[in-house]
PDB file of N, CA and C in Angstrom:
ATOM      1  N   TYR A   1      -8.575   8.422   0.035  1.00  0.00           N
ATOM      2  CA  TYR A   1      -9.529   7.379  -0.276  1.00  0.00           C
ATOM      3  C   TYR A   1     -10.681   7.457   0.705  1.00  0.00           C
ATOM      4  N   TYR A   2     -11.842   7.093   0.250  1.00  0.00           N
ATOM      5  CA  TYR A   2     -12.985   6.972   1.137  1.00  0.00           C
ATOM      6  C   TYR A   2     -13.385   5.502   1.160  1.00  0.00           C
ATOM      7  N   LEU A   3     -13.461   4.948   2.369  1.00  0.00           N
ATOM      8  CA  LEU A   3     -13.889   3.553   2.544  1.00  0.00           C
ATOM      9  C   LEU A   3     -15.040   3.519   3.523  1.00  0.00           C
ATOM     10  N   SER A   4     -16.036   2.743   3.220  1.00  0.00           N
ATOM     11  CA  SER A   4     -17.148   2.597   4.150  1.00  0.00           C
ATOM     12  C   SER A   4     -16.775   1.580   5.225  1.00  0.00           C
ATOM     13  N   GLU A   5     -17.481   1.632   6.326  1.00  0.00           N
ATOM     14  CA  GLU A   5     -17.204   0.722   7.436  1.00  0.00           C
ATOM     15  C   GLU A   5     -17.433  -0.740   7.069  1.00  0.00           C
ATOM     16  N   ASP A   6     -18.282  -0.985   6.104  1.00  0.00           N
ATOM     17  CA  ASP A   6     -18.570  -2.368   5.741  1.00  0.00           C
ATOM     18  C   ASP A   6     -17.667  -2.892   4.608  1.00  0.00           C
ATOM     19  N   THR A   7     -16.582  -2.177   4.327  1.00  0.00           N
ATOM     20  CA  THR A   7     -15.621  -2.660   3.330  1.00  0.00           C
ATOM     21  C   THR A   7     -15.028  -3.976   3.834  1.00  0.00           C
ATOM     22  N   GLU A   8     -15.021  -4.956   2.962  1.00  0.00           N
ATOM     23  CA  GLU A   8     -14.544  -6.281   3.356  1.00  0.00           C
ATOM     24  C   GLU A   8     -13.033  -6.299   3.530  1.00  0.00           C
ATOM     25  N   ILE A   9     -12.583  -7.070   4.514  1.00  0.00           N
ATOM     26  CA  ILE A   9     -11.152  -7.273   4.732  1.00  0.00           C
ATOM     27  C   ILE A   9     -10.571  -7.944   3.488  1.00  0.00           C
ATOM     28  N   ASN A  10      -9.358  -7.577   3.153  1.00  0.00           N
ATOM     29  CA  ASN A  10      -8.621  -8.006   1.952  1.00  0.00           C
ATOM     30  C   ASN A  10      -9.069  -7.295   0.679  1.00  0.00           C
ATOM     31  N   THR A  11      -9.895  -6.268   0.829  1.00  0.00           N
ATOM     32  CA  THR A  11     -10.259  -5.456  -0.326  1.00  0.00           C
ATOM     33  C   THR A  11      -9.041  -4.663  -0.772  1.00  0.00           C
ATOM     34  N   ILE A  12      -8.807  -4.638  -2.072  1.00  0.00           N
ATOM     35  CA  ILE A  12      -7.712  -3.843  -2.615  1.00  0.00           C
ATOM     36  C   ILE A  12      -8.162  -2.389  -2.672  1.00  0.00           C
ATOM     37  N   ILE A  13      -7.371  -1.527  -2.070  1.00  0.00           N
ATOM     38  CA  ILE A  13      -7.695  -0.101  -2.016  1.00  0.00           C
ATOM     39  C   ILE A  13      -7.138   0.624  -3.239  1.00  0.00           C
ATOM     40  N   ASP A  14      -5.905   0.275  -3.611  1.00  0.00           N
ATOM     41  CA  ASP A  14      -5.283   0.928  -4.749  1.00  0.00           C
ATOM     42  C   ASP A  14      -4.067   0.125  -5.200  1.00  0.00           C
ATOM     43  N   HIS A  15      -3.683   0.335  -6.450  1.00  0.00           N
ATOM     44  CA  HIS A  15      -2.434  -0.224  -6.972  1.00  0.00           C
ATOM     45  C   HIS A  15      -1.376   0.853  -6.863  1.00  0.00           C
ATOM     46  N   LEU A  16      -0.203   0.463  -6.403  1.00  0.00           N
ATOM     47  CA  LEU A  16       0.890   1.423  -6.282  1.00  0.00           C
ATOM     48  C   LEU A  16       1.621   1.515  -7.611  1.00  0.00           C
ATOM     49  N   HIS A  17       1.773   2.704  -8.081  1.00  0.00           N
ATOM     50  CA  HIS A  17       2.452   2.927  -9.350  1.00  0.00           C
ATOM     51  C   HIS A  17       3.796   3.597  -9.071  1.00  0.00           C
ATOM     52  N   ILE A  18       4.832   3.068  -9.652  1.00  0.00           N
ATOM     53  CA  ILE A  18       6.167   3.643  -9.502  1.00  0.00           C
ATOM     54  C   ILE A  18       6.533   4.304 -10.826  1.00  0.00           C
ATOM     55  N   ASN A  19       6.948   5.534 -10.735  1.00  0.00           N
ATOM     56  CA  ASN A  19       7.398   6.247 -11.919  1.00  0.00           C
ATOM     57  C   ASN A  19       8.874   5.927 -12.130  1.00  0.00           C
ATOM     58  N   TYR A  20       9.159   5.028 -13.053  1.00  0.00           N
ATOM     59  CA  TYR A  20      10.523   4.568 -13.258  1.00  0.00           C
ATOM     60  C   TYR A  20      11.391   5.579 -13.994  1.00  0.00           C
ATOM     61  N   ASP A  21      10.816   6.643 -14.478  1.00  0.00           N
ATOM     62  CA  ASP A  21      11.615   7.676 -15.139  1.00  0.00           C
ATOM     63  C   ASP A  21      12.617   8.305 -14.181  1.00  0.00           C
ATOM     64  N   SER A  22      12.325   8.221 -12.893  1.00  0.00           N
ATOM     65  CA  SER A  22      13.216   8.821 -11.907  1.00  0.00           C
ATOM     66  C   SER A  22      14.359   7.893 -11.495  1.00  0.00           C
ATOM     67  N   PHE A  23      14.384   6.676 -12.032  1.00  0.00           N
ATOM     68  CA  PHE A  23      15.452   5.729 -11.722  1.00  0.00           C
ATOM     69  C   PHE A  23      16.316   5.492 -12.956  1.00  0.00           C
ATOM     70  N   PRO A  24      17.618   5.348 -12.768  1.00  0.00           N
ATOM     71  CA  PRO A  24      18.494   5.065 -13.925  1.00  0.00           C
ATOM     72  C   PRO A  24      18.558   3.567 -14.244  1.00  0.00           C
ATOM     73  N   LEU A  25      17.452   2.877 -14.076  1.00  0.00           N
ATOM     74  CA  LEU A  25      17.396   1.437 -14.287  1.00  0.00           C
ATOM     75  C   LEU A  25      16.243   1.104 -15.226  1.00  0.00           C
ATOM     76  N   PHE A  26      16.400   0.019 -15.980  1.00  0.00           N
ATOM     77  CA  PHE A  26      15.268  -0.483 -16.740  1.00  0.00           C
ATOM     78  C   PHE A  26      14.606  -1.553 -15.892  1.00  0.00           C
ATOM     79  N   ILE A  27      13.340  -1.366 -15.593  1.00  0.00           N
ATOM     80  CA  ILE A  27      12.625  -2.278 -14.714  1.00  0.00           C
ATOM     81  C   ILE A  27      11.317  -2.664 -15.383  1.00  0.00           C
ATOM     82  N   ASN A  28      11.068  -3.951 -15.418  1.00  0.00           N
ATOM     83  CA  ASN A  28       9.795  -4.448 -15.924  1.00  0.00           C
ATOM     84  C   ASN A  28       8.859  -4.574 -14.725  1.00  0.00           C
ATOM     85  N   ASN A  29       7.896  -3.703 -14.632  1.00  0.00           N
ATOM     86  CA  ASN A  29       7.012  -3.650 -13.469  1.00  0.00           C
ATOM     87  C   ASN A  29       6.239  -4.945 -13.255  1.00  0.00           C
ATOM     88  N   GLU A  30       5.979  -5.684 -14.312  1.00  0.00           N
ATOM     89  CA  GLU A  30       5.222  -6.926 -14.194  1.00  0.00           C
ATOM     90  C   GLU A  30       6.075  -8.064 -13.632  1.00  0.00           C
ATOM     91  N   LYS A  31       7.359  -8.079 -13.952  1.00  0.00           N
ATOM     92  CA  LYS A  31       8.215  -9.200 -13.573  1.00  0.00           C
ATOM     93  C   LYS A  31       9.173  -8.888 -12.430  1.00  0.00           C
ATOM     94  N   ASP A  32       9.735  -7.702 -12.429  1.00  0.00           N
ATOM     95  CA  ASP A  32      10.750  -7.362 -11.441  1.00  0.00           C
ATOM     96  C   ASP A  32      10.113  -6.951 -10.125  1.00  0.00           C
ATOM     97  N   ASN A  33      10.691  -7.427  -9.053  1.00  0.00           N
ATOM     98  CA  ASN A  33      10.201  -7.086  -7.724  1.00  0.00           C
ATOM     99  C   ASN A  33      11.406  -6.666  -6.884  1.00  0.00           C
ATOM    100  N   ILE A  34      12.001  -5.549  -7.258  1.00  0.00           N
ATOM    101  CA  ILE A  34      13.239  -5.123  -6.608  1.00  0.00           C
ATOM    102  C   ILE A  34      13.012  -4.098  -5.504  1.00  0.00           C
ATOM    103  N   PHE A  35      11.755  -3.748  -5.251  1.00  0.00           N
ATOM    104  CA  PHE A  35      11.442  -2.782  -4.213  1.00  0.00           C
ATOM    105  C   PHE A  35      10.622  -3.426  -3.102  1.00  0.00           C
ATOM    106  N   PHE A  36      10.707  -2.834  -1.928  1.00  0.00           N
ATOM    107  CA  PHE A  36       9.751  -3.180  -0.885  1.00  0.00           C
ATOM    108  C   PHE A  36       9.181  -1.883  -0.337  1.00  0.00           C
ATOM    109  N   TYR A  37       8.039  -2.005   0.290  1.00  0.00           N
ATOM    110  CA  TYR A  37       7.282  -0.847   0.719  1.00  0.00           C
ATOM    111  C   TYR A  37       7.124  -0.875   2.237  1.00  0.00           C
ATOM    112  N   LEU A  38       7.209   0.289   2.837  1.00  0.00           N
ATOM    113  CA  LEU A  38       7.009   0.419   4.277  1.00  0.00           C
ATOM    114  C   LEU A  38       5.914   1.438   4.536  1.00  0.00           C
ATOM    115  N   ILE A  39       5.003   1.088   5.425  1.00  0.00           N
ATOM    116  CA  ILE A  39       4.001   2.045   5.892  1.00  0.00           C
ATOM    117  C   ILE A  39       4.541   2.591   7.206  1.00  0.00           C
ATOM    118  N   ASN A  40       4.566   3.901   7.349  1.00  0.00           N
ATOM    119  CA  ASN A  40       5.199   4.511   8.513  1.00  0.00           C
ATOM    120  C   ASN A  40       4.398   4.392   9.805  1.00  0.00           C
ATOM    121  N   ASP A  41       3.235   3.817   9.762  1.00  0.00           N
ATOM    122  CA  ASP A  41       2.393   3.690  10.955  1.00  0.00           C
ATOM    123  C   ASP A  41       1.850   2.266  11.015  1.00  0.00           C
ATOM    124  N   THR A  42       2.306   1.493  11.978  1.00  0.00           N
ATOM    125  CA  THR A  42       1.897   0.081  12.066  1.00  0.00           C
ATOM    126  C   THR A  42       0.493  -0.089  12.639  1.00  0.00           C
ATOM    127  N   SER A  43      -0.108   0.983  13.121  1.00  0.00           N
ATOM    128  CA  SER A  43      -1.458   0.864  13.684  1.00  0.00           C
ATOM    129  C   SER A  43      -2.566   1.031  12.641  1.00  0.00           C
ATOM    130  N   VAL A  44      -2.212   1.349  11.408  1.00  0.00           N
ATOM    131  CA  VAL A  44      -3.238   1.500  10.374  1.00  0.00           C
ATOM    132  C   VAL A  44      -3.748   0.129   9.934  1.00  0.00           C
ATOM    133  N   PRO A  45      -4.997   0.042   9.525  1.00  0.00           N
ATOM    134  CA  PRO A  45      -5.573  -1.244   9.132  1.00  0.00           C
ATOM    135  C   PRO A  45      -5.291  -1.614   7.671  1.00  0.00           C
ATOM    136  N   PHE A  46      -4.129  -1.264   7.197  1.00  0.00           N
ATOM    137  CA  PHE A  46      -3.763  -1.509   5.805  1.00  0.00           C
ATOM    138  C   PHE A  46      -2.418  -2.214   5.738  1.00  0.00           C
ATOM    139  N   THR A  47      -2.195  -2.904   4.641  1.00  0.00           N
ATOM    140  CA  THR A  47      -0.901  -3.508   4.365  1.00  0.00           C
ATOM    141  C   THR A  47      -0.623  -3.352   2.876  1.00  0.00           C
ATOM    142  N   ILE A  48       0.614  -3.624   2.514  1.00  0.00           N
ATOM    143  CA  ILE A  48       0.977  -3.581   1.103  1.00  0.00           C
ATOM    144  C   ILE A  48       1.380  -4.974   0.672  1.00  0.00           C
ATOM    145  N   ASP A  49       0.738  -5.459  -0.371  1.00  0.00           N
ATOM    146  CA  ASP A  49       1.089  -6.752  -0.943  1.00  0.00           C
ATOM    147  C   ASP A  49       2.255  -6.527  -1.899  1.00  0.00           C
ATOM    148  N   GLU A  50       3.407  -7.067  -1.546  1.00  0.00           N
ATOM    149  CA  GLU A  50       4.629  -6.858  -2.334  1.00  0.00           C
ATOM    150  C   GLU A  50       4.524  -7.447  -3.738  1.00  0.00           C
ATOM    151  N   ASN A  51       3.815  -8.550  -3.876  1.00  0.00           N
ATOM    152  CA  ASN A  51       3.719  -9.213  -5.176  1.00  0.00           C
ATOM    153  C   ASN A  51       2.812  -8.475  -6.156  1.00  0.00           C
ATOM    154  N   THR A  52       1.679  -8.019  -5.657  1.00  0.00           N
ATOM    155  CA  THR A  52       0.724  -7.335  -6.536  1.00  0.00           C
ATOM    156  C   THR A  52       0.866  -5.823  -6.508  1.00  0.00           C
ATOM    157  N   LYS A  53       1.688  -5.320  -5.578  1.00  0.00           N
ATOM    158  CA  LYS A  53       1.912  -3.875  -5.424  1.00  0.00           C
ATOM    159  C   LYS A  53       0.598  -3.139  -5.174  1.00  0.00           C
ATOM    160  N   THR A  54      -0.159  -3.668  -4.223  1.00  0.00           N
ATOM    161  CA  THR A  54      -1.456  -3.079  -3.887  1.00  0.00           C
ATOM    162  C   THR A  54      -1.547  -2.779  -2.397  1.00  0.00           C
ATOM    163  N   ILE A  55      -2.371  -1.803  -2.075  1.00  0.00           N
ATOM    164  CA  ILE A  55      -2.710  -1.507  -0.686  1.00  0.00           C
ATOM    165  C   ILE A  55      -3.998  -2.257  -0.385  1.00  0.00           C
ATOM    166  N   LYS A  56      -4.000  -3.017   0.711  1.00  0.00           N
ATOM    167  CA  LYS A  56      -5.183  -3.811   1.080  1.00  0.00           C
ATOM    168  C   LYS A  56      -5.638  -3.479   2.491  1.00  0.00           C
ATOM    169  N   LEU A  57      -6.922  -3.612   2.687  1.00  0.00           N
ATOM    170  CA  LEU A  57      -7.496  -3.474   4.015  1.00  0.00           C
ATOM    171  C   LEU A  57      -7.297  -4.790   4.770  1.00  0.00           C
ATOM    172  N   ILE A  58      -6.766  -4.719   6.004  1.00  0.00           N
ATOM    173  CA  ILE A  58      -6.512  -5.957   6.759  1.00  0.00           C
ATOM    174  C   ILE A  58      -7.279  -6.032   8.078  1.00  0.00           C
ATOM    175  N   ASN A  59      -7.945  -4.945   8.469  1.00  0.00           N
ATOM    176  CA  ASN A  59      -8.762  -4.952   9.684  1.00  0.00           C
ATOM    177  C   ASN A  59     -10.042  -4.170   9.429  1.00  0.00           C
ATOM    178  N   SER A  60     -11.020  -4.415  10.266  1.00  0.00           N
ATOM    179  CA  SER A  60     -12.299  -3.703  10.139  1.00  0.00           C
ATOM    180  C   SER A  60     -12.134  -2.221  10.440  1.00  0.00           C
ATOM    181  N   LEU A  61     -12.986  -1.428   9.825  1.00  0.00           N
ATOM    182  CA  LEU A  61     -13.001   0.007  10.071  1.00  0.00           C
ATOM    183  C   LEU A  61     -14.152   0.351  11.003  1.00  0.00           C
ATOM    184  N   ASP A  62     -13.897   1.281  11.915  1.00  0.00           N
ATOM    185  CA  ASP A  62     -14.926   1.730  12.851  1.00  0.00           C
ATOM    186  C   ASP A  62     -14.794   3.245  12.979  1.00  0.00           C
ATOM    187  N   ARG A  63     -15.712   3.968  12.354  1.00  0.00           N
ATOM    188  CA  ARG A  63     -15.622   5.431  12.323  1.00  0.00           C
ATOM    189  C   ARG A  63     -15.793   6.069  13.698  1.00  0.00           C
ATOM    190  N   GLU A  64     -16.450   5.383  14.624  1.00  0.00           N
ATOM    191  CA  GLU A  64     -16.596   5.938  15.967  1.00  0.00           C
ATOM    192  C   GLU A  64     -15.248   5.923  16.706  1.00  0.00           C
ATOM    193  N   LYS A  65     -14.429   4.950  16.415  1.00  0.00           N
ATOM    194  CA  LYS A  65     -13.102   4.871  17.053  1.00  0.00           C
ATOM    195  C   LYS A  65     -12.082   5.749  16.329  1.00  0.00           C
ATOM    196  N   GLN A  66     -12.107   5.698  15.010  1.00  0.00           N
ATOM    197  CA  GLN A  66     -11.180   6.504  14.214  1.00  0.00           C
ATOM    198  C   GLN A  66     -11.822   6.790  12.868  1.00  0.00           C
ATOM    199  N   ASP A  67     -11.915   8.060  12.554  1.00  0.00           N
ATOM    200  CA  ASP A  67     -12.611   8.433  11.314  1.00  0.00           C
ATOM    201  C   ASP A  67     -11.662   8.759  10.166  1.00  0.00           C
ATOM    202  N   LYS A  68     -10.353   8.769  10.435  1.00  0.00           N
ATOM    203  CA  LYS A  68      -9.406   9.123   9.392  1.00  0.00           C
ATOM    204  C   LYS A  68      -8.045   8.526   9.722  1.00  0.00           C
ATOM    205  N   TYR A  69      -7.327   8.112   8.691  1.00  0.00           N
ATOM    206  CA  TYR A  69      -5.971   7.600   8.837  1.00  0.00           C
ATOM    207  C   TYR A  69      -5.055   8.413   7.936  1.00  0.00           C
ATOM    208  N   ILE A  70      -3.942   8.797   8.501  1.00  0.00           N
ATOM    209  CA  ILE A  70      -2.927   9.498   7.715  1.00  0.00           C
ATOM    210  C   ILE A  70      -1.636   8.708   7.862  1.00  0.00           C
ATOM    211  N   PHE A  71      -1.072   8.306   6.714  1.00  0.00           N
ATOM    212  CA  PHE A  71       0.174   7.545   6.760  1.00  0.00           C
ATOM    213  C   PHE A  71       0.943   7.775   5.468  1.00  0.00           C
ATOM    214  N   GLU A  72       2.194   7.436   5.517  1.00  0.00           N
ATOM    215  CA  GLU A  72       3.050   7.555   4.348  1.00  0.00           C
ATOM    216  C   GLU A  72       3.553   6.173   3.959  1.00  0.00           C
ATOM    217  N   ILE A  73       3.820   6.012   2.676  1.00  0.00           N
ATOM    218  CA  ILE A  73       4.390   4.781   2.173  1.00  0.00           C
ATOM    219  C   ILE A  73       5.774   5.112   1.635  1.00  0.00           C
ATOM    220  N   GLU A  74       6.742   4.355   2.112  1.00  0.00           N
ATOM    221  CA  GLU A  74       8.114   4.559   1.663  1.00  0.00           C
ATOM    222  C   GLU A  74       8.527   3.418   0.754  1.00  0.00           C
ATOM    223  N   LEU A  75       9.169   3.762  -0.314  1.00  0.00           N
ATOM    224  CA  LEU A  75       9.645   2.791  -1.290  1.00  0.00           C
ATOM    225  C   LEU A  75      11.145   2.623  -1.086  1.00  0.00           C
ATOM    226  N   LYS A  76      11.598   1.372  -0.936  1.00  0.00           N
ATOM    227  CA  LYS A  76      13.024   1.114  -0.748  1.00  0.00           C
ATOM    228  C   LYS A  76      13.483   0.074  -1.758  1.00  0.00           C
ATOM    229  N   LEU A  77      14.709   0.204  -2.158  1.00  0.00           N
ATOM    230  CA  LEU A  77      15.321  -0.737  -3.090  1.00  0.00           C
ATOM    231  C   LEU A  77      15.831  -1.930  -2.290  1.00  0.00           C
ATOM    232  N   LYS A  78      15.496  -3.149  -2.740  1.00  0.00           N
ATOM    233  CA  LYS A  78      16.007  -4.355  -2.095  1.00  0.00           C
ATOM    234  C   LYS A  78      17.484  -4.502  -2.404  1.00  0.00           C
ATOM    235  N   LEU A  79      18.220  -5.032  -1.466  1.00  0.00           N
ATOM    236  CA  LEU A  79      19.658  -5.251  -1.680  1.00  0.00           C
ATOM    237  C   LEU A  79      19.903  -6.556  -2.395  1.00  0.00           C
TER     238      LEU A  79
END
């Protein structure tokens, strides 16, 4: 993704899509919330909204301090 420094906080960056074909379960993506998401780096200025399944910007960006972020998102099944 490319984000400008003036991107507003709480801007939605992307919607997370889960390919349910890989699960032996029938899941209604609109109603069921059986997964949670983890970002492997807590220093990134992003979060995942569990309800809307979106990645959001939560802090200001400053290209002089950091010009790129690399992180992974892990999907886990809730117990």
